[in-house]
Amino acid sequence: MTLRIRFAKYGALRFIGHLDVMRYFQKVIRRADLPVRYSQGFTPHQIMTFAHPLSLGVSSDAEYMEIDFTEELDPDDVLSRMRAQISEGFALISCCVVPETPEGTRSQSLMSLVSAAEYMVSWKDGYGEVPDESALRDAMHELYAQESIVVEKSTKKTTADTDIKPFIYRIYSGGEEFLAPSDPAFTGNKVITRSFAEGIDNLAHADIFENGRRFFVCVASGSAVNIKPGLVTQALCEKMGIEYNRHAYALHRMETYKGDTEFLPLDA
């Protein structure tokens, strides 16, 4: 059987890389004495996959992994046994059974399911100028009055100017949604609806700062198109005339979505 586990990554452990996260959970599985399935070959390893690895320094309440087991297990029992081995900086949130694929068909990888992610971007204290709420909202409206939002986007191989406007699906501040796809100022190429997972505090492990300035953005994410929230933040800073310093902002992933025109959490 395969279980999909949602977990949080926060605190000092948000600075460890994806390979270390994978090795950590391999040790948790062994210490919990769970019947994990191993690959075949000369170097067998636990069959474990992750949805969309976080960048260093980003915290999250919406990380997902899938683990294959050799026996039928109770998801609640698996959570309980793993939680007994977990360290501060990780938190296991939920666990569900992944339905078996019909015979003769190939299951879709967890990574390929990811289509979007929602983030909270916070101004840290002690890093210079913090805009007031009205300036931030005005900058968002001015930004979306443009026909395009062209930024310099870098990959491992190239750096190129990219229009990210079609891949910003929702943006809002202060807990009040605006500039949604139904807003006249929004000209994205999709009509997007989205929902958070029920009963989950999506900001439970986010850093909160005294100045209280923050905004929220849902962007394309995954293997096909991946837009980092820092690109949106940089564009907003240029509109407000604020020098962009990537170290001055805390990023927290609130939800990871699957779907095309309707976004649903990966554990839905």
Protein backbone atom coordinates (compact mmCIF):
# COMPACT_ATOMS: atom_id res chain seq x y z
CA MET A 1 0.00 0.00 0.00
CA THR A 2 1.01 3.64 -0.47
CA LEU A 3 0.36 6.40 2.07
CA ARG A 4 0.48 10.14 1.34
CA ILE A 5 1.68 12.14 4.35
CA ARG A 6 1.38 15.87 4.80
CA PHE A 7 4.03 17.49 7.00
CA ALA A 8 5.32 20.87 8.13
CA LYS A 9 8.90 22.12 7.98
CA TYR A 10 9.81 25.10 10.14
CA GLY A 11 12.26 26.72 12.54
CA ALA A 12 15.97 26.02 12.10
CA LEU A 13 15.27 22.94 9.98
CA ARG A 14 13.93 25.08 7.14
CA PHE A 15 17.61 25.62 6.29
CA ILE A 16 18.35 21.96 5.55
CA GLY A 17 18.20 20.77 1.96
CA HIS A 18 15.90 18.28 0.27
CA LEU A 19 18.36 15.35 0.33
CA ASP A 20 18.82 15.77 4.08
CA VAL A 21 15.03 15.85 4.52
CA MET A 22 14.75 12.59 2.61
CA ARG A 23 17.50 10.93 4.67
CA TYR A 24 15.87 12.18 7.86
CA PHE A 25 12.52 10.58 7.07
CA GLN A 26 14.23 7.34 6.05
CA LYS A 27 15.67 7.19 9.57
CA VAL A 28 12.26 8.06 11.09
CA ILE A 29 10.69 5.14 9.20
CA ARG A 30 13.37 2.73 10.42
CA ARG A 31 13.11 3.90 14.03
CA ALA A 32 9.32 3.61 13.89
CA ASP A 33 9.83 -0.02 12.76
CA LEU A 34 7.39 0.32 9.86
CA PRO A 35 7.33 -2.27 7.03
CA VAL A 36 8.56 0.02 4.28
CA ARG A 37 9.04 -1.33 0.76
CA TYR A 38 12.57 -1.27 -0.69
CA SER A 39 13.65 -1.00 -4.30
CA GLN A 40 15.41 -3.87 -6.06
CA GLY A 41 19.04 -3.95 -7.18
CA PHE A 42 22.51 -3.61 -5.70
CA THR A 43 21.68 -0.56 -3.57
CA PRO A 44 18.12 -1.00 -2.23
CA HIS A 45 16.49 2.14 -0.86
CA GLN A 46 13.15 2.95 0.70
CA ILE A 47 10.47 3.77 -1.87
CA MET A 48 9.64 7.33 -0.87
CA THR A 49 8.77 10.31 -3.08
CA PHE A 50 8.18 14.01 -2.39
CA ALA A 51 5.83 16.48 -4.08
CA HIS A 52 7.80 19.68 -4.59
CA PRO A 53 10.94 20.36 -2.51
CA LEU A 54 11.18 23.69 -0.72
CA SER A 55 13.88 26.26 -1.34
CA LEU A 56 16.29 26.72 1.55
CA GLY A 57 14.95 29.03 4.25
CA VAL A 58 11.28 28.61 3.32
CA SER A 59 8.95 27.23 5.99
CA SER A 60 5.81 25.28 5.17
CA ASP A 61 2.62 23.70 6.42
CA ALA A 62 2.00 21.95 3.11
CA GLU A 63 4.76 19.44 2.31
CA TYR A 64 3.78 16.03 0.98
CA MET A 65 5.50 12.68 0.62
CA GLU A 66 4.39 9.20 -0.43
CA ILE A 67 5.76 6.04 1.15
CA ASP A 68 5.26 2.47 -0.06
CA PHE A 69 4.68 -0.26 2.52
CA THR A 70 4.67 -4.03 2.21
CA GLU A 71 1.61 -4.44 4.45
CA GLU A 72 -1.82 -2.88 4.88
CA LEU A 73 -1.52 -0.32 7.69
CA ASP A 74 -3.80 2.01 9.62
CA PRO A 75 -2.87 5.59 8.59
CA ASP A 76 -3.51 6.85 12.13
CA ASP A 77 -1.17 4.19 13.54
CA VAL A 78 1.54 5.15 11.04
CA LEU A 79 1.23 8.83 12.06
CA SER A 80 1.40 7.94 15.74
CA ARG A 81 4.50 5.78 15.35
CA MET A 82 6.29 8.33 13.18
CA ARG A 83 5.38 11.23 15.48
CA ALA A 84 7.08 9.39 18.34
CA GLN A 85 10.35 9.66 16.38
CA ILE A 86 10.00 13.15 14.92
CA SER A 87 12.17 16.12 15.94
CA GLU A 88 11.35 19.79 16.52
CA GLY A 89 11.30 21.46 13.12
CA PHE A 90 9.08 18.85 11.51
CA ALA A 91 5.43 18.11 12.24
CA LEU A 92 3.27 15.37 10.72
CA ILE A 93 -0.16 16.80 9.90
CA SER A 94 -2.21 14.15 8.10
CA CYS A 95 -1.99 10.77 6.41
CA CYS A 96 -4.22 9.16 3.78
CA VAL A 97 -4.23 6.06 1.60
CA VAL A 98 -3.38 6.55 -2.07
CA PRO A 99 -5.92 4.62 -4.19
CA GLU A 100 -4.48 1.82 -6.27
CA THR A 101 -4.35 2.44 -10.00
CA PRO A 102 -6.36 0.14 -12.28
CA GLU A 103 -4.44 -2.82 -13.65
CA GLY A 104 -2.61 -2.00 -16.84
CA THR A 105 -2.36 1.74 -16.09
CA ARG A 106 0.54 3.71 -14.71
CA SER A 107 0.18 5.80 -11.57
CA GLN A 108 0.95 9.53 -11.77
CA SER A 109 3.96 10.62 -9.73
CA LEU A 110 3.39 12.91 -6.76
CA MET A 111 5.67 15.55 -8.27
CA SER A 112 3.72 15.60 -11.54
CA LEU A 113 0.45 16.21 -9.67
CA VAL A 114 1.57 19.61 -8.38
CA SER A 115 0.15 22.55 -10.34
CA ALA A 116 0.24 25.52 -7.92
CA ALA A 117 1.27 26.63 -4.46
CA GLU A 118 0.07 29.37 -2.13
CA TYR A 119 2.51 31.39 -0.03
CA MET A 120 2.57 34.03 2.67
CA VAL A 121 5.32 36.62 2.15
CA SER A 122 6.21 38.63 5.31
CA TRP A 123 8.43 41.66 5.79
CA LYS A 124 10.99 40.84 8.50
CA ASP A 125 11.70 43.29 11.30
CA GLY A 126 14.98 45.20 11.22
CA TYR A 127 15.55 45.19 7.45
CA GLY A 128 14.80 48.80 6.65
CA GLU A 129 11.67 50.29 5.13
CA VAL A 130 8.36 48.45 5.52
CA PRO A 131 5.50 49.74 3.33
CA ASP A 132 2.13 50.56 4.86
CA GLU A 133 -0.94 48.53 3.92
CA SER A 134 -2.34 51.07 1.47
CA ALA A 135 0.99 51.39 -0.37
CA LEU A 136 1.17 47.62 -0.73
CA ARG A 137 -2.37 47.34 -2.06
CA ASP A 138 -1.83 50.27 -4.48
CA ALA A 139 1.32 48.58 -5.79
CA MET A 140 -0.62 45.36 -6.43
CA HIS A 141 -3.29 47.21 -8.41
CA GLU A 142 -0.68 49.16 -10.40
CA LEU A 143 1.21 45.96 -11.12
CA TYR A 144 -1.90 44.27 -12.48
CA ALA A 145 -2.83 47.29 -14.56
CA GLN A 146 0.16 46.34 -16.72
CA GLU A 147 -0.35 44.09 -19.73
CA SER A 148 2.54 41.95 -18.55
CA ILE A 149 4.84 41.51 -15.56
CA VAL A 150 8.26 40.80 -17.01
CA VAL A 151 10.99 39.69 -14.63
CA GLU A 152 14.40 38.11 -15.01
CA LYS A 153 13.89 34.42 -14.24
CA SER A 154 16.90 32.16 -13.73
CA THR A 155 17.15 28.39 -14.04
CA LYS A 156 20.15 26.09 -13.64
CA LYS A 157 20.98 26.55 -17.32
CA THR A 158 19.68 29.95 -18.43
CA THR A 159 18.52 33.40 -17.40
CA ALA A 160 15.75 35.02 -19.45
CA ASP A 161 13.07 37.69 -19.25
CA THR A 162 9.74 36.00 -18.45
CA ASP A 163 6.18 37.31 -18.24
CA ILE A 164 4.91 35.87 -14.94
CA LYS A 165 1.48 37.53 -14.98
CA PRO A 166 -0.37 34.50 -16.47
CA PHE A 167 1.07 32.32 -13.70
CA ILE A 168 -0.04 34.44 -10.72
CA TYR A 169 -3.44 32.95 -9.95
CA ARG A 170 -4.43 34.85 -6.82
CA ILE A 171 -2.92 37.66 -4.76
CA TYR A 172 -4.24 39.40 -1.67
CA SER A 173 -3.13 41.11 1.54
CA GLY A 174 -4.27 41.60 5.10
CA GLY A 175 -6.54 38.55 5.00
CA GLU A 176 -8.92 40.25 2.52
CA GLU A 177 -8.90 38.72 -0.94
CA PHE A 178 -8.68 41.00 -3.96
CA LEU A 179 -7.29 40.84 -7.46
CA ALA A 180 -8.87 37.41 -7.79
CA PRO A 181 -9.45 36.09 -11.32
CA SER A 182 -12.90 37.72 -11.29
CA ASP A 183 -11.36 41.13 -10.60
CA PRO A 184 -11.29 43.38 -13.73
CA ALA A 185 -7.63 44.12 -13.06
CA PHE A 186 -6.71 40.45 -13.33
CA THR A 187 -6.05 39.16 -16.85
CA GLY A 188 -4.68 35.69 -16.13
CA ASN A 189 -5.44 33.01 -18.72
CA LYS A 190 -7.33 30.71 -16.32
CA VAL A 191 -10.40 30.90 -14.14
CA ILE A 192 -9.13 29.44 -10.90
CA THR A 193 -11.00 28.30 -7.84
CA ARG A 194 -9.10 26.96 -4.89
CA SER A 195 -9.68 25.63 -1.39
CA PHE A 196 -7.58 24.92 1.68
CA ALA A 197 -7.61 21.52 3.36
CA GLU A 198 -10.30 21.34 6.03
CA GLY A 199 -9.34 21.54 9.69
CA ILE A 200 -5.72 22.57 9.04
CA ASP A 201 -4.08 25.79 10.21
CA ASN A 202 -2.06 26.77 7.15
CA LEU A 203 -0.01 29.29 9.16
CA ALA A 204 0.63 27.15 12.25
CA HIS A 205 4.40 27.07 11.67
CA ALA A 206 4.92 30.44 9.98
CA ASP A 207 7.17 33.13 11.43
CA ILE A 208 5.16 36.16 12.59
CA PHE A 209 6.79 39.61 12.80
CA GLU A 210 5.99 42.68 14.86
CA ASN A 211 5.47 44.99 11.87
CA GLY A 212 2.67 42.72 10.63
CA ARG A 213 3.15 43.54 6.93
CA ARG A 214 2.54 40.61 4.62
CA PHE A 215 0.73 39.49 1.49
CA PHE A 216 -0.41 36.19 0.03
CA VAL A 217 0.05 34.84 -3.46
CA CYS A 218 -0.90 31.68 -5.35
CA VAL A 219 1.47 30.92 -8.22
CA ALA A 220 2.14 28.17 -10.75
CA SER A 221 4.34 25.52 -9.23
CA GLY A 222 5.68 22.11 -10.16
CA SER A 223 7.63 20.44 -12.93
CA ALA A 224 5.94 22.23 -15.85
CA VAL A 225 6.04 25.87 -14.67
CA ASN A 226 7.54 27.02 -11.40
CA ILE A 227 7.20 30.66 -10.30
CA LYS A 228 8.92 31.59 -7.06
CA PRO A 229 7.08 34.06 -4.78
CA GLY A 230 10.28 36.09 -4.57
CA LEU A 231 9.77 37.15 -8.20
CA VAL A 232 6.36 38.61 -7.31
CA THR A 233 7.84 40.32 -4.25
CA GLN A 234 10.61 41.86 -6.34
CA ALA A 235 8.09 43.23 -8.85
CA LEU A 236 6.02 44.76 -6.02
CA CYS A 237 9.09 46.37 -4.49
CA GLU A 238 9.96 48.00 -7.80
CA LYS A 239 6.44 49.45 -7.95
CA MET A 240 6.77 50.86 -4.41
CA GLY A 241 10.28 52.21 -5.02
CA ILE A 242 11.74 49.92 -2.35
CA GLU A 243 15.11 48.25 -2.88
CA TYR A 244 14.53 44.49 -3.03
CA ASN A 245 16.60 42.42 -0.61
CA ARG A 246 15.64 38.75 -0.65
CA HIS A 247 16.89 38.34 2.91
CA ALA A 248 14.32 40.87 4.16
CA TYR A 249 11.35 38.56 3.50
CA ALA A 250 10.14 35.37 5.13
CA LEU A 251 8.36 32.87 2.87
CA HIS A 252 5.87 30.30 4.11
CA ARG A 253 4.13 27.74 1.91
CA MET A 254 0.49 27.52 2.99
CA GLU A 255 -0.84 24.98 0.51
CA THR A 256 0.29 22.80 -2.37
CA TYR A 257 -2.35 22.19 -5.04
CA LYS A 258 -3.23 19.71 -7.74
CA GLY A 259 -5.66 20.31 -10.58
CA ASP A 260 -6.02 22.44 -13.69
CA THR A 261 -8.91 24.93 -13.42
CA GLU A 262 -9.85 23.88 -9.90
CA PHE A 263 -7.06 23.67 -7.34
CA LEU A 264 -7.40 21.14 -4.53
CA PRO A 265 -4.90 20.24 -1.77
CA LEU A 266 -2.85 17.15 -2.50
CA ASP A 267 -4.48 15.34 0.40
CA ALA A 268 -8.03 16.07 -0.87
